[in-house]
């Protein structure tokens, strides 16, 4: 009878272990999925901010180039007047 009791007890212990392990793994998987989702959202926010900054820099440099061309044109007009 002791062997039968041992077998039953072992079966119960292993069953509880299986249930507990499954529960823990499901919790871990949920936490990993949540963390990945947060990371993806953060990366998307960074991508948006980076694009906005890149657009601002492009506008800034375009305006600088236009201004520099305007000043260069005025400068060369004055130089031409001095030469003539």
PDB file of N, CA and C in Angstrom:
ATOM      1  N   UNK A   1       0.808  -1.189   0.000  1.00  0.00           N
ATOM      2  CA  UNK A   1       0.000   0.000   0.000  1.00  0.00           C
ATOM      3  C   UNK A   1       0.856   1.260   0.000  1.00  0.00           C
ATOM      4  N   UNK A   2       2.030   1.189   0.564  1.00  0.00           N
ATOM      5  CA  UNK A   2       2.885   2.356   0.602  1.00  0.00           C
ATOM      6  C   UNK A   2       3.290   2.789  -0.800  1.00  0.00           C
ATOM      7  N   UNK A   3       3.550   1.860  -1.678  1.00  0.00           N
ATOM      8  CA  UNK A   3       3.913   2.196  -3.061  1.00  0.00           C
ATOM      9  C   UNK A   3       2.758   2.901  -3.750  1.00  0.00           C
ATOM     10  N   UNK A   4       1.541   2.436  -3.522  1.00  0.00           N
ATOM     11  CA  UNK A   4       0.362   3.064  -4.111  1.00  0.00           C
ATOM     12  C   UNK A   4       0.201   4.499  -3.579  1.00  0.00           C
ATOM     13  N   UNK A   5       0.413   4.696  -2.298  1.00  0.00           N
ATOM     14  CA  UNK A   5       0.315   6.033  -1.699  1.00  0.00           C
ATOM     15  C   UNK A   5       1.394   6.956  -2.279  1.00  0.00           C
ATOM     16  N   UNK A   6       2.606   6.407  -2.402  1.00  0.00           N
ATOM     17  CA  UNK A   6       3.704   7.188  -2.977  1.00  0.00           C
ATOM     18  C   UNK A   6       3.381   7.596  -4.413  1.00  0.00           C
ATOM     19  N   UNK A   7       2.866   6.688  -5.193  1.00  0.00           N
ATOM     20  CA  UNK A   7       2.521   6.964  -6.590  1.00  0.00           C
ATOM     21  C   UNK A   7       1.444   8.034  -6.671  1.00  0.00           C
ATOM     22  N   UNK A   8       0.430   7.922  -5.831  1.00  0.00           N
ATOM     23  CA  UNK A   8      -0.652   8.912  -5.823  1.00  0.00           C
ATOM     24  C   UNK A   8      -0.114  10.280  -5.406  1.00  0.00           C
ATOM     25  N   UNK A   9       0.705  10.309  -4.365  1.00  0.00           N
ATOM     26  CA  UNK A   9       1.282  11.571  -3.887  1.00  0.00           C
ATOM     27  C   UNK A   9       2.173  12.205  -4.961  1.00  0.00           C
ATOM     28  N   UNK A  10       2.984  11.372  -5.603  1.00  0.00           N
ATOM     29  CA  UNK A  10       3.867  11.872  -6.662  1.00  0.00           C
ATOM     30  C   UNK A  10       3.046  12.424  -7.829  1.00  0.00           C
ATOM     31  N   UNK A  11       1.992  11.735  -8.202  1.00  0.00           N
ATOM     32  CA  UNK A  11       1.108  12.200  -9.277  1.00  0.00           C
ATOM     33  C   UNK A  11       0.503  13.561  -8.911  1.00  0.00           C
ATOM     34  N   UNK A  12       0.066  13.710  -7.668  1.00  0.00           N
ATOM     35  CA  UNK A  12      -0.498  14.990  -7.213  1.00  0.00           C
ATOM     36  C   UNK A  12       0.546  16.105  -7.252  1.00  0.00           C
ATOM     37  N   UNK A  13       1.739  15.811  -6.759  1.00  0.00           N
ATOM     38  CA  UNK A  13       2.812  16.809  -6.748  1.00  0.00           C
ATOM     39  C   UNK A  13       3.156  17.237  -8.174  1.00  0.00           C
ATOM     40  N   UNK A  14       3.302  16.264  -9.056  1.00  0.00           N
ATOM     41  CA  UNK A  14       3.639  16.584 -10.452  1.00  0.00           C
ATOM     42  C   UNK A  14       2.503  17.351 -11.140  1.00  0.00           C
ATOM     43  N   UNK A  15       1.282  17.017 -10.818  1.00  0.00           N
ATOM     44  CA  UNK A  15       0.136  17.748 -11.369  1.00  0.00           C
ATOM     45  C   UNK A  15       0.134  19.201 -10.917  1.00  0.00           C
ATOM     46  N   UNK A  16       0.384  19.417  -9.628  1.00  0.00           N
ATOM     47  CA  UNK A  16       0.464  20.785  -9.106  1.00  0.00           C
ATOM     48  C   UNK A  16       1.632  21.547  -9.740  1.00  0.00           C
ATOM     49  N   UNK A  17       2.752  20.867  -9.877  1.00  0.00           N
ATOM     50  CA  UNK A  17       3.923  21.492 -10.494  1.00  0.00           C
ATOM     51  C   UNK A  17       3.608  21.905 -11.928  1.00  0.00           C
ATOM     52  N   UNK A  18       2.940  21.033 -12.657  1.00  0.00           N
ATOM     53  CA  UNK A  18       2.574  21.326 -14.046  1.00  0.00           C
ATOM     54  C   UNK A  18       1.644  22.551 -14.107  1.00  0.00           C
ATOM     55  N   UNK A  19       0.656  22.572 -13.227  1.00  0.00           N
ATOM     56  CA  UNK A  19      -0.295  23.689 -13.201  1.00  0.00           C
ATOM     57  C   UNK A  19       0.409  24.989 -12.838  1.00  0.00           C
ATOM     58  N   UNK A  20       1.245  24.939 -11.800  1.00  0.00           N
ATOM     59  CA  UNK A  20       1.975  26.129 -11.372  1.00  0.00           C
ATOM     60  C   UNK A  20       2.924  26.625 -12.462  1.00  0.00           C
ATOM     61  N   UNK A  21       3.630  25.705 -13.087  1.00  0.00           N
ATOM     62  CA  UNK A  21       4.577  26.059 -14.141  1.00  0.00           C
ATOM     63  C   UNK A  21       3.853  26.688 -15.320  1.00  0.00           C
ATOM     64  N   UNK A  22       2.744  26.104 -15.702  1.00  0.00           N
ATOM     65  CA  UNK A  22       1.973  26.644 -16.826  1.00  0.00           C
ATOM     66  C   UNK A  22       1.502  28.058 -16.500  1.00  0.00           C
ATOM     67  N   UNK A  23       1.021  28.262 -15.299  1.00  0.00           N
ATOM     68  CA  UNK A  23       0.545  29.576 -14.881  1.00  0.00           C
ATOM     69  C   UNK A  23       1.671  30.607 -14.905  1.00  0.00           C
ATOM     70  N   UNK A  24       2.825  30.223 -14.389  1.00  0.00           N
ATOM     71  CA  UNK A  24       3.976  31.139 -14.369  1.00  0.00           C
ATOM     72  C   UNK A  24       4.410  31.466 -15.799  1.00  0.00           C
ATOM     73  N   UNK A  25       4.488  30.476 -16.645  1.00  0.00           N
ATOM     74  CA  UNK A  25       4.906  30.705 -18.031  1.00  0.00           C
ATOM     75  C   UNK A  25       3.913  31.591 -18.778  1.00  0.00           C
ATOM     76  N   UNK A  26       2.627  31.409 -18.512  1.00  0.00           N
ATOM     77  CA  UNK A  26       1.619  32.269 -19.140  1.00  0.00           C
ATOM     78  C   UNK A  26       1.788  33.714 -18.671  1.00  0.00           C
ATOM     79  N   UNK A  27       2.050  33.897 -17.362  1.00  0.00           N
ATOM     80  CA  UNK A  27       2.275  35.243 -16.826  1.00  0.00           C
ATOM     81  C   UNK A  27       3.520  35.886 -17.452  1.00  0.00           C
ATOM     82  N   UNK A  28       4.590  35.105 -17.556  1.00  0.00           N
ATOM     83  CA  UNK A  28       5.824  35.610 -18.147  1.00  0.00           C
ATOM     84  C   UNK A  28       5.589  35.993 -19.605  1.00  0.00           C
ATOM     85  N   UNK A  29       4.885  35.149 -20.333  1.00  0.00           N
ATOM     86  CA  UNK A  29       4.596  35.443 -21.742  1.00  0.00           C
ATOM     87  C   UNK A  29       3.771  36.726 -21.867  1.00  0.00           C
ATOM     88  N   UNK A  30       2.819  36.917 -20.998  1.00  0.00           N
ATOM     89  CA  UNK A  30       2.006  38.141 -21.022  1.00  0.00           C
ATOM     90  C   UNK A  30       2.863  39.373 -20.744  1.00  0.00           C
ATOM     91  N   UNK A  31       3.749  39.273 -19.778  1.00  0.00           N
ATOM     92  CA  UNK A  31       4.628  40.392 -19.453  1.00  0.00           C
ATOM     93  C   UNK A  31       5.584  40.699 -20.611  1.00  0.00           C
ATOM     94  N   UNK A  32       6.095  39.659 -21.237  1.00  0.00           N
ATOM     95  CA  UNK A  32       6.987  39.858 -22.389  1.00  0.00           C
ATOM     96  C   UNK A  32       6.227  40.539 -23.513  1.00  0.00           C
ATOM     97  N   UNK A  33       5.022  40.077 -23.795  1.00  0.00           N
ATOM     98  CA  UNK A  33       4.207  40.690 -24.853  1.00  0.00           C
ATOM     99  C   UNK A  33       3.921  42.158 -24.538  1.00  0.00           C
ATOM    100  N   UNK A  34       3.625  42.450 -23.296  1.00  0.00           N
ATOM    101  CA  UNK A  34       3.361  43.835 -22.886  1.00  0.00           C
ATOM    102  C   UNK A  34       4.616  44.694 -23.065  1.00  0.00           C
ATOM    103  N   UNK A  35       5.751  44.164 -22.654  1.00  0.00           N
ATOM    104  CA  UNK A  35       7.007  44.913 -22.779  1.00  0.00           C
ATOM    105  C   UNK A  35       7.361  45.152 -24.250  1.00  0.00           C
ATOM    106  N   UNK A  36       7.158  44.152 -25.075  1.00  0.00           N
ATOM    107  CA  UNK A  36       7.433  44.312 -26.510  1.00  0.00           C
ATOM    108  C   UNK A  36       6.509  45.365 -27.108  1.00  0.00           C
ATOM    109  N   UNK A  37       5.246  45.343 -26.741  1.00  0.00           N
ATOM    110  CA  UNK A  37       4.284  46.324 -27.252  1.00  0.00           C
ATOM    111  C   UNK A  37       4.694  47.740 -26.832  1.00  0.00           C
ATOM    112  N   UNK A  38       5.105  47.907 -25.593  1.00  0.00           N
ATOM    113  CA  UNK A  38       5.561  49.217 -25.121  1.00  0.00           C
ATOM    114  C   UNK A  38       6.812  49.659 -25.880  1.00  0.00           C
ATOM    115  N   UNK A  39       7.710  48.725 -26.122  1.00  0.00           N
ATOM    116  CA  UNK A  39       8.924  49.050 -26.872  1.00  0.00           C
ATOM    117  C   UNK A  39       8.587  49.496 -28.285  1.00  0.00           C
ATOM    118  N   UNK A  40       7.665  48.791 -28.914  1.00  0.00           N
ATOM    119  CA  UNK A  40       7.262  49.159 -30.275  1.00  0.00           C
ATOM    120  C   UNK A  40       6.620  50.543 -30.299  1.00  0.00           C
ATOM    121  N   UNK A  41       5.801  50.825 -29.314  1.00  0.00           N
ATOM    122  CA  UNK A  41       5.176  52.153 -29.240  1.00  0.00           C
ATOM    123  C   UNK A  41       6.246  53.227 -29.040  1.00  0.00           C
ATOM    124  N   UNK A  42       7.206  52.963 -28.175  1.00  0.00           N
ATOM    125  CA  UNK A  42       8.292  53.914 -27.944  1.00  0.00           C
ATOM    126  C   UNK A  42       9.115  54.144 -29.194  1.00  0.00           C
ATOM    127  N   UNK A  43       9.398  53.075 -29.930  1.00  0.00           N
ATOM    128  CA  UNK A  43      10.153  53.204 -31.164  1.00  0.00           C
ATOM    129  C   UNK A  43       9.374  54.018 -32.200  1.00  0.00           C
ATOM    130  N   UNK A  44       8.068  53.823 -32.258  1.00  0.00           N
ATOM    131  CA  UNK A  44       7.240  54.579 -33.198  1.00  0.00           C
ATOM    132  C   UNK A  44       7.241  56.060 -32.825  1.00  0.00           C
ATOM    133  N   UNK A  45       7.175  56.356 -31.536  1.00  0.00           N
ATOM    134  CA  UNK A  45       7.240  57.752 -31.097  1.00  0.00           C
ATOM    135  C   UNK A  45       8.591  58.371 -31.454  1.00  0.00           C
ATOM    136  N   UNK A  46       9.670  57.616 -31.251  1.00  0.00           N
ATOM    137  CA  UNK A  46      10.993  58.113 -31.608  1.00  0.00           C
ATOM    138  C   UNK A  46      11.088  58.357 -33.113  1.00  0.00           C
ATOM    139  N   UNK A  47      10.542  57.447 -33.900  1.00  0.00           N
ATOM    140  CA  UNK A  47      10.563  57.591 -35.351  1.00  0.00           C
ATOM    141  C   UNK A  47       9.824  58.860 -35.774  1.00  0.00           C
ATOM    142  N   UNK A  48       8.672  59.108 -35.160  1.00  0.00           N
ATOM    143  CA  UNK A  48       7.885  60.302 -35.474  1.00  0.00           C
ATOM    144  C   UNK A  48       8.659  61.565 -35.109  1.00  0.00           C
ATOM    145  N   UNK A  49       9.240  61.585 -33.926  1.00  0.00           N
ATOM    146  CA  UNK A  49      10.007  62.753 -33.482  1.00  0.00           C
ATOM    147  C   UNK A  49      11.225  62.964 -34.383  1.00  0.00           C
ATOM    148  N   UNK A  50      11.897  61.877 -34.734  1.00  0.00           N
ATOM    149  CA  UNK A  50      13.067  61.992 -35.604  1.00  0.00           C
ATOM    150  C   UNK A  50      12.668  62.585 -36.954  1.00  0.00           C
ATOM    151  N   UNK A  51      11.560  62.124 -37.523  1.00  0.00           N
ATOM    152  CA  UNK A  51      11.112  62.641 -38.811  1.00  0.00           C
ATOM    153  C   UNK A  51      10.751  64.117 -38.705  1.00  0.00           C
ATOM    154  N   UNK A  52      10.065  64.485 -37.631  1.00  0.00           N
ATOM    155  CA  UNK A  52       9.723  65.899 -37.437  1.00  0.00           C
ATOM    156  C   UNK A  52      10.982  66.751 -37.345  1.00  0.00           C
ATOM    157  N   UNK A  53      11.976  66.270 -36.603  1.00  0.00           N
ATOM    158  CA  UNK A  53      13.229  67.013 -36.482  1.00  0.00           C
ATOM    159  C   UNK A  53      13.956  67.095 -37.822  1.00  0.00           C
ATOM    160  N   UNK A  54      13.958  66.000 -38.564  1.00  0.00           N
ATOM    161  CA  UNK A  54      14.600  66.001 -39.875  1.00  0.00           C
ATOM    162  C   UNK A  54      13.906  66.993 -40.805  1.00  0.00           C
ATOM    163  N   UNK A  55      12.587  67.048 -40.748  1.00  0.00           N
ATOM    164  CA  UNK A  55      11.837  68.008 -41.567  1.00  0.00           C
ATOM    165  C   UNK A  55      12.192  69.435 -41.186  1.00  0.00           C
ATOM    166  N   UNK A  56      12.297  69.705 -39.885  1.00  0.00           N
ATOM    167  CA  UNK A  56      12.660  71.041 -39.419  1.00  0.00           C
ATOM    168  C   UNK A  56      14.057  71.431 -39.892  1.00  0.00           C
ATOM    169  N   UNK A  57      14.998  70.496 -39.802  1.00  0.00           N
ATOM    170  CA  UNK A  57      16.363  70.768 -40.245  1.00  0.00           C
ATOM    171  C   UNK A  57      16.381  71.037 -41.745  1.00  0.00           C
ATOM    172  N   UNK A  58      15.636  70.267 -42.503  1.00  0.00           N
ATOM    173  CA  UNK A  58      15.563  70.475 -43.952  1.00  0.00           C
ATOM    174  C   UNK A  58      15.032  71.863 -44.272  1.00  0.00           C
ATOM    175  N   UNK A  59      13.959  72.262 -43.607  1.00  0.00           N
ATOM    176  CA  UNK A  59      13.404  73.604 -43.824  1.00  0.00           C
ATOM    177  C   UNK A  59      14.420  74.682 -43.445  1.00  0.00           C
ATOM    178  N   UNK A  60      15.110  74.478 -42.340  1.00  0.00           N
ATOM    179  CA  UNK A  60      16.112  75.443 -41.900  1.00  0.00           C
ATOM    180  C   UNK A  60      17.213  75.597 -42.941  1.00  0.00           C
ATOM    181  N   UNK A  61      17.765  74.470 -43.419  1.00  0.00           N
ATOM    182  CA  UNK A  61      18.862  74.548 -44.389  1.00  0.00           C
ATOM    183  C   UNK A  61      18.391  75.097 -45.735  1.00  0.00           C
ATOM    184  N   UNK A  62      17.171  74.759 -46.116  1.00  0.00           N
ATOM    185  CA  UNK A  62      16.633  75.329 -47.363  1.00  0.00           C
ATOM    186  C   UNK A  62      16.537  76.844 -47.262  1.00  0.00           C
ATOM    187  N   UNK A  63      16.037  77.334 -46.120  1.00  0.00           N
ATOM    188  CA  UNK A  63      15.914  78.788 -45.950  1.00  0.00           C
ATOM    189  C   UNK A  63      17.293  79.438 -45.900  1.00  0.00           C
ATOM    190  N   UNK A  64      18.261  78.788 -45.285  1.00  0.00           N
ATOM    191  CA  UNK A  64      19.636  79.319 -45.242  1.00  0.00           C
ATOM    192  C   UNK A  64      20.229  79.391 -46.643  1.00  0.00           C
ATOM    193  N   UNK A  65      19.995  78.360 -47.434  1.00  0.00           N
ATOM    194  CA  UNK A  65      20.533  78.361 -48.801  1.00  0.00           C
ATOM    195  C   UNK A  65      19.913  79.492 -49.619  1.00  0.00           C
ATOM    196  N   UNK A  66      18.609  79.675 -49.494  1.00  0.00           N
ATOM    197  CA  UNK A  66      17.945  80.749 -50.228  1.00  0.00           C
ATOM    198  C   UNK A  66      18.509  82.102 -49.806  1.00  0.00           C
ATOM    199  N   UNK A  67      18.667  82.290 -48.503  1.00  0.00           N
ATOM    200  CA  UNK A  67      19.207  83.554 -48.002  1.00  0.00           C
ATOM    201  C   UNK A  67      20.637  83.762 -48.490  1.00  0.00           C
ATOM    202  N   UNK A  68      21.440  82.704 -48.448  1.00  0.00           N
ATOM    203  CA  UNK A  68      22.829  82.814 -48.902  1.00  0.00           C
ATOM    204  C   UNK A  68      22.893  83.125 -50.400  1.00  0.00           C
ATOM    205  N   UNK A  69      22.014  82.502 -51.180  1.00  0.00           N
ATOM    206  CA  UNK A  69      21.981  82.803 -52.625  1.00  0.00           C
ATOM    207  C   UNK A  69      21.615  84.267 -52.860  1.00  0.00           C
ATOM    208  N   UNK A  70      20.677  84.743 -52.075  1.00  0.00           N
ATOM    209  CA  UNK A  70      20.241  86.142 -52.207  1.00  0.00           C
ATOM    210  C   UNK A  70      21.401  87.082 -51.890  1.00  0.00           C
ATOM    211  N   UNK A  71      22.130  86.825 -50.805  1.00  0.00           N
ATOM    212  CA  UNK A  71      23.266  87.669 -50.440  1.00  0.00           C
ATOM    213  C   UNK A  71      24.397  87.542 -51.460  1.00  0.00           C
ATOM    214  N   UNK A  72      24.620  86.339 -51.948  1.00  0.00           N
ATOM    215  CA  UNK A  72      25.670  86.147 -52.952  1.00  0.00           C
ATOM    216  C   UNK A  72      25.331  86.923 -54.225  1.00  0.00           C
ATOM    217  N   UNK A  73      24.080  86.895 -54.617  1.00  0.00           N
ATOM    218  CA  UNK A  73      23.660  87.628 -55.815  1.00  0.00           C
ATOM    219  C   UNK A  73      23.884  89.125 -55.622  1.00  0.00           C
ATOM    220  N   UNK A  74      23.495  89.658 -54.472  1.00  0.00           N
ATOM    221  CA  UNK A  74      23.721  91.076 -54.183  1.00  0.00           C
ATOM    222  C   UNK A  74      25.215  91.400 -54.188  1.00  0.00           C
ATOM    223  N   UNK A  75      26.002  90.522 -53.589  1.00  0.00           N
ATOM    224  CA  UNK A  75      27.437  90.734 -53.522  1.00  0.00           C
ATOM    225  C   UNK A  75      28.042  90.799 -54.919  1.00  0.00           C
ATOM    226  N   UNK A  76      27.692  89.819 -55.759  1.00  0.00           N
ATOM    227  CA  UNK A  76      28.268  89.797 -57.104  1.00  0.00           C
ATOM    228  C   UNK A  76      27.770  90.961 -57.962  1.00  0.00           C
ATOM    229  N   UNK A  77      26.548  91.421 -57.720  1.00  0.00           N
ATOM    230  CA  UNK A  77      26.067  92.613 -58.421  1.00  0.00           C
ATOM    231  C   UNK A  77      26.908  93.827 -58.041  1.00  0.00           C
ATOM    232  N   UNK A  78      27.234  93.967 -56.761  1.00  0.00           N
ATOM    233  CA  UNK A  78      28.060  95.082 -56.305  1.00  0.00           C
ATOM    234  C   UNK A  78      29.476  94.965 -56.864  1.00  0.00           C
ATOM    235  N   UNK A  79      30.020  93.741 -56.886  1.00  0.00           N
ATOM    236  CA  UNK A  79      31.351  93.536 -57.438  1.00  0.00           C
ATOM    237  C   UNK A  79      31.356  93.910 -58.911  1.00  0.00           C
ATOM    238  N   UNK A  80      30.339  93.514 -59.642  1.00  0.00           N
ATOM    239  CA  UNK A  80      30.254  93.835 -61.074  1.00  0.00           C
ATOM    240  C   UNK A  80      30.167  95.333 -61.271  1.00  0.00           C
ATOM    241  N   UNK A  81      29.416  96.017 -60.412  1.00  0.00           N
ATOM    242  CA  UNK A  81      29.325  97.481 -60.513  1.00  0.00           C
ATOM    243  C   UNK A  81      30.676  98.126 -60.267  1.00  0.00           C
ATOM    244  N   UNK A  82      31.436  97.579 -59.327  1.00  0.00           N
ATOM    245  CA  UNK A  82      32.762  98.117 -59.048  1.00  0.00           C
ATOM    246  C   UNK A  82      33.743  97.859 -60.186  1.00  0.00           C
ATOM    247  N   UNK A  83      33.606  96.725 -60.815  1.00  0.00           N
ATOM    248  CA  UNK A  83      34.507  96.368 -61.920  1.00  0.00           C
ATOM    249  C   UNK A  83      34.210  97.222 -63.143  1.00  0.00           C
ATOM    250  N   UNK A  84      32.935  97.443 -63.419  1.00  0.00           N
ATOM    251  CA  UNK A  84      32.554  98.195 -64.618  1.00  0.00           C
ATOM    252  C   UNK A  84      32.853  99.610 -64.468  1.00  0.00           C
TER     253      UNK A  84
END
